[in-house]
């Protein structure tokens, strides 16, 4: 317990005092996120916020992790450092989606293969139990890539990615603390505390963004925690076993995960790359309805909390039914948002249409000039 408290305080303090320094460095080096027609901010904002809570999280985890947990801590720290380098390079000079994906796969490899962390069972989802080894590996890699990019893609509103990341890390950290998994409890609370300190500077009006350095790290840490949660919570011998574990895991990540899967499906159905940018995210819908950044973030966090509570309360109905209920509810709510957004855009477009009435222009009729010759042979204008 002491390890978790020290890690939480240490991560918060380091991040809190590091962010102002990073803001000054970004201003001196002109490291800004430039506004454009797709982004919601209208001024240049520094983008090195992820470096601040990376330092707090990494130091707190390295210092406060239990001494007997050298494995798999060494591979976890290596993976976090790899994803940090990928995100930092993307923030400073830019990276293609393919190169970012390769970096994510390398980081995931360090955790999955070297750290021996896998989703080994579906725990009754569609009647599926233990998974074949190679299918287990593929599913775990897929989970890591989707979760990492999910947090990267919802980072479009002040405070949203940080608030959801803090909620998910804190919930999972609390579960691991109760289950006596101290290494993962330290990781969860260190990340939550670092994000709490970062949000002081990121809530509207944002003084700094986390950038890809931060969003990729938040995604990787929470992907690690969620896979470990599925492994521990699904084990009947654990201190706090849960039923319908895949559905509960999905509910914990409902906002970033459902939004990413939905947006990927929309883009691929239109023959586009799933990594191309657009304005089809849920937070774009809420902004279009007139909600502010703070209101959008608050609504998203509250809905995420409600989904977690619903999944935990209804875990007895089984993985298949619960996952269908969670996904179906999310789909209905998103559809309502989309319909309201389209209706508002239609009303706004109709109000701006100006019907121009035809204006009659008076025509002046001029008589033709007649030239006649007078007796003296001079032309006269008649």
Protein backbone atom coordinates (compact mmCIF):
# COMPACT_ATOMS: atom_id res chain seq x y z
CA UNK A 1 0.00 0.00 0.00
CA UNK A 2 2.84 2.39 0.84
CA UNK A 3 4.34 1.80 -2.61
CA UNK A 4 1.12 2.91 -4.27
CA UNK A 5 0.78 6.06 -2.14
CA UNK A 6 4.40 7.09 -2.74
CA UNK A 7 4.09 6.39 -6.48
CA UNK A 8 0.90 8.47 -6.71
CA UNK A 9 2.40 11.46 -4.90
CA UNK A 10 5.72 11.24 -6.74
CA UNK A 11 4.13 11.06 -10.18
CA UNK A 12 1.79 13.99 -9.47
CA UNK A 13 4.56 16.24 -8.07
CA UNK A 14 7.05 15.56 -10.87
CA UNK A 15 4.44 16.14 -13.56
CA UNK A 16 3.01 19.25 -11.91
CA UNK A 17 6.39 21.00 -11.74
CA UNK A 18 7.63 19.70 -15.11
CA UNK A 19 4.75 21.05 -17.23
CA UNK A 20 5.50 24.81 -16.78
CA UNK A 21 9.10 24.18 -17.77
CA UNK A 22 7.98 22.30 -20.87
CA UNK A 23 5.63 25.14 -21.83
CA UNK A 24 8.57 27.60 -21.75
CA UNK A 25 10.80 25.22 -23.74
CA UNK A 26 8.07 24.73 -26.37
CA UNK A 27 7.66 28.48 -26.72
CA UNK A 28 11.40 29.01 -27.09
CA UNK A 29 11.77 26.22 -29.66
CA UNK A 30 8.44 26.98 -31.40
CA UNK A 31 7.09 23.47 -30.82
CA UNK A 32 3.40 24.18 -31.36
CA UNK A 33 0.32 22.41 -32.60
CA UNK A 34 -0.76 24.67 -35.44
CA UNK A 35 -4.53 25.24 -35.85
CA UNK A 36 -6.28 24.28 -39.10
CA UNK A 37 -9.81 23.78 -40.41
CA UNK A 38 -10.09 20.28 -38.86
CA UNK A 39 -8.84 21.14 -35.37
CA UNK A 40 -10.98 22.75 -32.70
CA UNK A 41 -8.37 25.13 -31.27
CA UNK A 42 -7.78 28.51 -32.89
CA UNK A 43 -4.32 29.39 -31.57
CA UNK A 44 -0.90 27.76 -31.38
CA UNK A 45 -0.56 25.45 -28.34
CA UNK A 46 2.66 23.75 -27.09
CA UNK A 47 2.63 19.97 -27.60
CA UNK A 48 5.18 18.58 -25.13
CA UNK A 49 2.77 17.75 -22.30
CA UNK A 50 3.27 14.02 -22.73
CA UNK A 51 6.93 14.43 -21.77
CA UNK A 52 5.89 15.78 -18.37
CA UNK A 53 3.72 12.90 -17.22
CA UNK A 54 6.01 10.37 -18.94
CA UNK A 55 8.78 11.50 -16.59
CA UNK A 56 6.49 11.37 -13.56
CA UNK A 57 4.98 8.01 -14.46
CA UNK A 58 8.28 6.34 -15.38
CA UNK A 59 10.19 7.49 -12.31
CA UNK A 60 7.33 6.65 -9.95
CA UNK A 61 6.93 3.18 -11.44
CA UNK A 62 10.66 2.43 -11.46
CA UNK A 63 11.16 3.61 -7.88
CA UNK A 64 8.01 2.19 -6.27
CA UNK A 65 7.58 -1.13 -8.08
CA UNK A 66 8.06 -4.09 -5.71
CA UNK A 67 11.66 -5.29 -5.68
CA UNK A 68 10.68 -8.87 -6.55
CA UNK A 69 8.92 -7.72 -9.73
CA UNK A 70 12.01 -7.29 -11.92
CA UNK A 71 10.18 -9.50 -14.40
CA UNK A 72 8.28 -8.23 -16.34
CA UNK A 73 9.09 -4.67 -15.20
CA UNK A 74 12.22 -4.47 -17.35
CA UNK A 75 10.26 -5.22 -20.52
CA UNK A 76 7.42 -2.89 -19.56
CA UNK A 77 9.81 0.02 -19.06
CA UNK A 78 11.53 -0.77 -22.36
CA UNK A 79 8.19 -0.76 -24.18
CA UNK A 80 7.16 2.55 -22.57
CA UNK A 81 10.44 4.11 -23.64
CA UNK A 82 10.00 2.85 -27.22
CA UNK A 83 6.50 4.32 -27.52
CA UNK A 84 7.77 7.56 -25.98
CA UNK A 85 10.43 7.86 -28.71
CA UNK A 86 7.85 7.15 -31.43
CA UNK A 87 5.46 9.77 -30.09
CA UNK A 88 8.18 12.38 -29.55
CA UNK A 89 9.49 12.00 -33.09
CA UNK A 90 5.95 12.26 -34.48
CA UNK A 91 5.36 15.46 -32.50
CA UNK A 92 8.60 17.11 -33.59
CA UNK A 93 9.22 16.02 -37.18
CA UNK A 94 6.21 13.86 -38.06
CA UNK A 95 5.90 10.15 -38.82
CA UNK A 96 3.90 8.27 -41.43
CA UNK A 97 1.10 6.00 -40.14
CA UNK A 98 3.10 2.93 -41.21
CA UNK A 99 6.15 3.92 -39.18
CA UNK A 100 3.99 4.70 -36.16
CA UNK A 101 2.36 1.29 -36.49
CA UNK A 102 5.74 -0.43 -36.64
CA UNK A 103 6.82 1.38 -33.47
CA UNK A 104 3.62 0.32 -31.72
CA UNK A 105 4.15 -3.30 -32.76
CA UNK A 106 7.72 -3.28 -31.41
CA UNK A 107 6.53 -1.88 -28.07
CA UNK A 108 3.71 -4.43 -27.95
CA UNK A 109 6.19 -7.23 -28.75
CA UNK A 110 8.31 -6.30 -25.73
CA UNK A 111 5.28 -6.64 -23.44
CA UNK A 112 3.44 -9.55 -25.07
CA UNK A 113 6.23 -11.88 -26.11
CA UNK A 114 9.08 -10.92 -23.79
CA UNK A 115 6.88 -9.98 -20.85
CA UNK A 116 4.62 -13.00 -21.39
CA UNK A 117 1.33 -11.08 -21.24
CA UNK A 118 -1.50 -12.52 -23.37
CA UNK A 119 -5.26 -12.86 -23.61
CA UNK A 120 -5.45 -16.65 -23.27
CA UNK A 121 -9.22 -17.14 -22.97
CA UNK A 122 -12.49 -15.55 -24.11
CA UNK A 123 -14.14 -16.55 -20.82
CA UNK A 124 -17.36 -17.79 -22.38
CA UNK A 125 -17.84 -15.07 -24.99
CA UNK A 126 -19.84 -16.79 -27.78
CA UNK A 127 -19.13 -20.03 -25.91
CA UNK A 128 -15.37 -19.75 -26.49
CA UNK A 129 -12.98 -20.65 -23.70
CA UNK A 130 -9.25 -21.30 -23.97
CA UNK A 131 -7.67 -19.93 -27.14
CA UNK A 132 -5.03 -21.58 -29.33
CA UNK A 133 -1.59 -20.09 -28.72
CA UNK A 134 -1.14 -18.33 -32.08
CA UNK A 135 -4.71 -16.97 -32.12
CA UNK A 136 -4.13 -15.74 -28.57
CA UNK A 137 -1.06 -13.84 -29.75
CA UNK A 138 -2.91 -12.27 -32.69
CA UNK A 139 -5.83 -11.20 -30.50
CA UNK A 140 -3.48 -9.66 -27.93
CA UNK A 141 -1.54 -7.71 -30.59
CA UNK A 142 -4.83 -6.52 -32.08
CA UNK A 143 -6.01 -5.38 -28.64
CA UNK A 144 -2.80 -3.43 -28.02
CA UNK A 145 -2.86 -1.68 -31.41
CA UNK A 146 -6.54 -0.74 -31.14
CA UNK A 147 -6.28 0.58 -27.56
CA UNK A 148 -3.09 2.55 -28.29
CA UNK A 149 -4.68 4.23 -31.31
CA UNK A 150 -7.99 4.70 -29.50
CA UNK A 151 -6.43 7.12 -27.02
CA UNK A 152 -4.47 8.76 -29.80
CA UNK A 153 -7.65 9.37 -31.82
CA UNK A 154 -9.83 10.79 -29.02
CA UNK A 155 -7.18 13.40 -28.22
CA UNK A 156 -9.13 16.09 -30.08
CA UNK A 157 -10.74 18.04 -27.24
CA UNK A 158 -9.10 19.75 -24.28
CA UNK A 159 -8.93 17.33 -21.38
CA UNK A 160 -10.73 14.42 -23.06
CA UNK A 161 -7.90 11.89 -23.56
CA UNK A 162 -6.35 12.85 -20.22
CA UNK A 163 -9.62 12.54 -18.30
CA UNK A 164 -10.60 9.19 -19.83
CA UNK A 165 -7.04 7.90 -19.41
CA UNK A 166 -7.04 8.98 -15.76
CA UNK A 167 -10.41 7.27 -15.15
CA UNK A 168 -9.36 3.99 -16.78
CA UNK A 169 -5.96 3.93 -15.03
CA UNK A 170 -7.50 4.68 -11.63
CA UNK A 171 -10.24 2.03 -11.99
CA UNK A 172 -7.75 -0.65 -13.05
CA UNK A 173 -5.21 0.46 -10.46
CA UNK A 174 -7.84 0.15 -7.72
CA UNK A 175 -8.73 -3.36 -8.89
CA UNK A 176 -5.08 -4.44 -8.90
CA UNK A 177 -4.53 -2.91 -5.46
CA UNK A 178 -7.44 -4.92 -4.06
CA UNK A 179 -6.18 -8.04 -5.87
CA UNK A 180 -2.69 -7.56 -4.41
CA UNK A 181 -1.06 -7.08 -7.84
CA UNK A 182 1.20 -4.28 -6.61
CA UNK A 183 3.25 -3.74 -9.78
CA UNK A 184 0.17 -3.03 -11.87
CA UNK A 185 -1.45 -1.07 -9.04
CA UNK A 186 1.63 1.18 -8.96
CA UNK A 187 1.45 1.61 -12.75
CA UNK A 188 -2.26 2.44 -12.68
CA UNK A 189 -2.08 5.03 -9.91
CA UNK A 190 1.16 6.54 -11.25
CA UNK A 191 -0.46 7.12 -14.63
CA UNK A 192 -3.68 8.45 -13.06
CA UNK A 193 -1.74 10.88 -10.83
CA UNK A 194 0.45 12.09 -13.68
CA UNK A 195 -2.61 12.74 -15.84
CA UNK A 196 -4.34 14.53 -12.95
CA UNK A 197 -1.41 16.95 -12.73
CA UNK A 198 -1.33 17.34 -16.52
CA UNK A 199 -5.06 18.13 -16.67
CA UNK A 200 -4.49 21.21 -14.47
CA UNK A 201 -2.76 22.73 -17.52
CA UNK A 202 -4.84 20.97 -20.20
CA UNK A 203 -8.42 21.75 -19.19
CA UNK A 204 -9.88 24.63 -21.25
CA UNK A 205 -8.27 27.02 -21.88
CA UNK A 206 -5.47 24.56 -22.58
CA UNK A 207 -1.95 25.81 -21.98
CA UNK A 208 -0.37 22.64 -23.37
CA UNK A 209 -1.35 19.47 -25.27
CA UNK A 210 -0.12 15.94 -24.55
CA UNK A 211 0.66 15.32 -28.23
CA UNK A 212 1.34 11.86 -29.61
CA UNK A 213 4.09 11.52 -26.99
CA UNK A 214 1.40 11.45 -24.32
CA UNK A 215 -1.56 9.83 -26.08
CA UNK A 216 0.45 6.84 -27.33
CA UNK A 217 1.92 6.32 -23.86
CA UNK A 218 -1.52 6.50 -22.20
CA UNK A 219 -2.81 4.00 -24.75
CA UNK A 220 0.06 1.55 -24.23
CA UNK A 221 -0.11 1.70 -20.43
CA UNK A 222 -3.88 1.17 -20.40
CA UNK A 223 -3.61 -1.63 -22.99
CA UNK A 224 -1.15 -3.37 -20.68
CA UNK A 225 -3.41 -2.87 -17.67
CA UNK A 226 -6.56 -4.05 -19.45
CA UNK A 227 -4.94 -7.25 -20.75
CA UNK A 228 -3.61 -7.99 -17.26
CA UNK A 229 -7.07 -7.22 -15.86
CA UNK A 230 -8.64 -9.80 -18.19
CA UNK A 231 -6.08 -12.37 -17.08
CA UNK A 232 -6.48 -11.76 -13.33
CA UNK A 233 -10.22 -11.04 -13.15
CA UNK A 234 -11.06 -14.09 -15.25
CA UNK A 235 -9.15 -16.42 -12.94
CA UNK A 236 -11.55 -18.01 -10.43
CA UNK A 237 -8.64 -18.40 -7.98
CA UNK A 238 -7.88 -14.67 -7.88
CA UNK A 239 -8.81 -12.53 -4.89
CA UNK A 240 -11.59 -10.72 -6.79
CA UNK A 241 -12.80 -12.87 -9.71
CA UNK A 242 -15.38 -11.34 -12.05
CA UNK A 243 -17.82 -12.82 -14.52
CA UNK A 244 -18.18 -11.59 -18.11
CA UNK A 245 -14.63 -10.22 -17.98
CA UNK A 246 -14.33 -9.34 -21.72
CA UNK A 247 -17.55 -7.30 -21.53
CA UNK A 248 -16.43 -5.47 -18.38
CA UNK A 249 -13.06 -4.71 -20.00
CA UNK A 250 -14.88 -3.33 -23.05
CA UNK A 251 -17.09 -1.17 -20.80
CA UNK A 252 -14.06 0.25 -18.97
CA UNK A 253 -12.68 1.43 -22.32
CA UNK A 254 -16.05 2.15 -23.93
CA UNK A 255 -15.50 5.78 -24.98
CA UNK A 256 -12.13 5.43 -26.76
CA UNK A 257 -12.66 1.84 -27.91
CA UNK A 258 -16.18 2.12 -29.34
CA UNK A 259 -15.41 5.47 -30.98
CA UNK A 260 -12.27 4.11 -32.65
CA UNK A 261 -13.89 0.91 -33.93
CA UNK A 262 -16.85 2.93 -35.26
CA UNK A 263 -14.66 5.51 -37.01
CA UNK A 264 -12.41 2.80 -38.49
CA UNK A 265 -15.51 1.04 -39.86
CA UNK A 266 -16.82 4.29 -41.42
CA UNK A 267 -13.50 5.08 -43.09
CA UNK A 268 -12.92 1.59 -44.48
CA UNK A 269 -16.52 1.38 -45.75
CA UNK A 270 -15.75 4.47 -47.83
CA UNK A 271 -12.57 2.96 -49.23
CA UNK A 272 -10.23 5.12 -47.11
CA UNK A 273 -7.39 4.28 -44.78
CA UNK A 274 -8.59 3.84 -41.17
CA UNK A 275 -5.83 6.26 -40.11
CA UNK A 276 -6.97 9.20 -42.26
CA UNK A 277 -8.27 12.21 -40.35
CA UNK A 278 -11.90 13.34 -40.41
CA UNK A 279 -14.60 14.79 -38.12
CA UNK A 280 -16.65 11.69 -37.40
CA UNK A 281 -15.58 11.22 -33.79
CA UNK A 282 -18.13 11.38 -31.00
CA UNK A 283 -16.49 14.50 -29.56
CA UNK A 284 -16.91 16.21 -32.94
CA UNK A 285 -20.64 15.46 -32.78
CA UNK A 286 -20.91 16.99 -29.32
CA UNK A 287 -18.96 20.07 -30.36
CA UNK A 288 -21.26 20.47 -33.37
CA UNK A 289 -24.24 20.45 -30.98
CA UNK A 290 -22.80 23.51 -29.25
CA UNK A 291 -21.13 21.87 -26.24
CA UNK A 292 -17.90 23.43 -25.01
CA UNK A 293 -14.68 21.47 -24.55
CA UNK A 294 -15.31 21.15 -20.82
CA UNK A 295 -18.90 20.01 -21.33
CA UNK A 296 -17.86 17.47 -23.97
CA UNK A 297 -15.19 16.03 -21.67
CA UNK A 298 -17.56 15.93 -18.69
CA UNK A 299 -20.32 14.16 -20.67
CA UNK A 300 -17.85 11.58 -22.05
CA UNK A 301 -16.40 10.82 -18.59
CA UNK A 302 -19.84 10.52 -16.98
CA UNK A 303 -21.05 8.14 -19.68
CA UNK A 304 -17.89 6.05 -19.29
CA UNK A 305 -18.51 5.80 -15.55
CA UNK A 306 -22.14 4.78 -16.17
CA UNK A 307 -21.07 2.03 -18.58
CA UNK A 308 -18.55 0.68 -16.05
CA UNK A 309 -21.23 0.61 -13.36
CA UNK A 310 -23.74 -1.04 -15.67
CA UNK A 311 -21.29 -3.75 -16.76
CA UNK A 312 -20.23 -4.52 -13.20
CA UNK A 313 -23.85 -4.71 -12.00
CA UNK A 314 -24.99 -6.97 -14.86
CA UNK A 315 -21.99 -9.29 -15.07
CA UNK A 316 -24.18 -12.27 -14.15
CA UNK A 317 -25.94 -12.25 -17.55
CA UNK A 318 -22.80 -13.56 -19.26
CA UNK A 319 -20.15 -12.17 -21.59
CA UNK A 320 -22.10 -12.45 -24.83
CA UNK A 321 -25.29 -10.79 -23.62
CA UNK A 322 -23.48 -8.14 -21.62
CA UNK A 323 -21.14 -7.20 -24.45
CA UNK A 324 -24.15 -7.02 -26.81
CA UNK A 325 -25.97 -4.77 -24.33
CA UNK A 326 -22.97 -2.48 -23.81
CA UNK A 327 -22.20 -2.22 -27.53
CA UNK A 328 -25.86 -1.80 -28.47
CA UNK A 329 -26.40 0.97 -25.92
CA UNK A 330 -23.30 2.79 -27.12
CA UNK A 331 -24.48 2.46 -30.73
CA UNK A 332 -27.94 3.87 -29.91
CA UNK A 333 -26.53 6.83 -27.97
CA UNK A 334 -24.04 7.62 -30.74
CA UNK A 335 -26.82 7.39 -33.35
CA UNK A 336 -28.91 9.87 -31.35
CA UNK A 337 -25.95 12.25 -31.26
CA UNK A 338 -25.48 11.89 -35.02
CA UNK A 339 -29.17 12.55 -35.75
CA UNK A 340 -29.21 15.63 -33.52
CA UNK A 341 -26.04 16.90 -35.19
CA UNK A 342 -27.49 16.42 -38.70
CA UNK A 343 -30.75 18.10 -37.69
CA UNK A 344 -28.92 21.10 -36.29
CA UNK A 345 -26.77 21.39 -39.42
CA UNK A 346 -29.91 21.19 -41.60
CA UNK A 347 -31.65 23.93 -39.62
CA UNK A 348 -28.54 26.09 -39.72
CA UNK A 349 -28.13 25.60 -43.47
CA UNK A 350 -31.80 26.46 -44.08
CA UNK A 351 -31.49 29.63 -42.01
CA UNK A 352 -28.54 30.87 -44.01
CA UNK A 353 -30.12 30.38 -47.42
CA UNK A 354 -31.13 33.74 -48.87
CA UNK A 355 -33.73 33.58 -51.61
CA UNK A 356 -33.07 36.40 -54.03
CA UNK A 357 -36.26 37.81 -55.62
CA UNK A 358 -36.03 38.89 -59.24
CA UNK A 359 -35.68 42.64 -59.64
CA UNK A 360 -37.23 44.31 -62.64
CA UNK A 361 -34.87 46.63 -64.41
CA UNK A 362 -36.69 49.43 -66.24
CA UNK A 363 -35.87 49.48 -69.89
CA UNK A 364 -35.44 52.78 -71.67
CA UNK A 365 -36.64 52.76 -75.24
CA UNK A 366 -34.65 54.98 -77.53
CA UNK A 367 -35.86 55.93 -80.92
CA UNK A 368 -33.51 55.26 -83.80
CA UNK A 369 -31.75 58.21 -85.21
CA UNK A 370 -32.78 59.26 -88.72
CA UNK A 371 -30.32 61.07 -90.88
CA UNK A 372 -31.71 63.30 -93.64
CA UNK A 373 -30.01 65.41 -96.22
CA UNK A 374 -30.94 69.10 -96.31
CA UNK A 375 -30.85 71.13 -99.47
CA UNK A 376 -27.40 72.43 -98.65
CA UNK A 377 -26.04 68.82 -98.55
CA UNK A 378 -25.40 68.78 -94.78
CA UNK A 379 -26.39 65.74 -92.73
CA UNK A 380 -28.91 66.53 -90.02
CA UNK A 381 -29.57 64.44 -86.93
CA UNK A 382 -33.29 63.78 -86.47
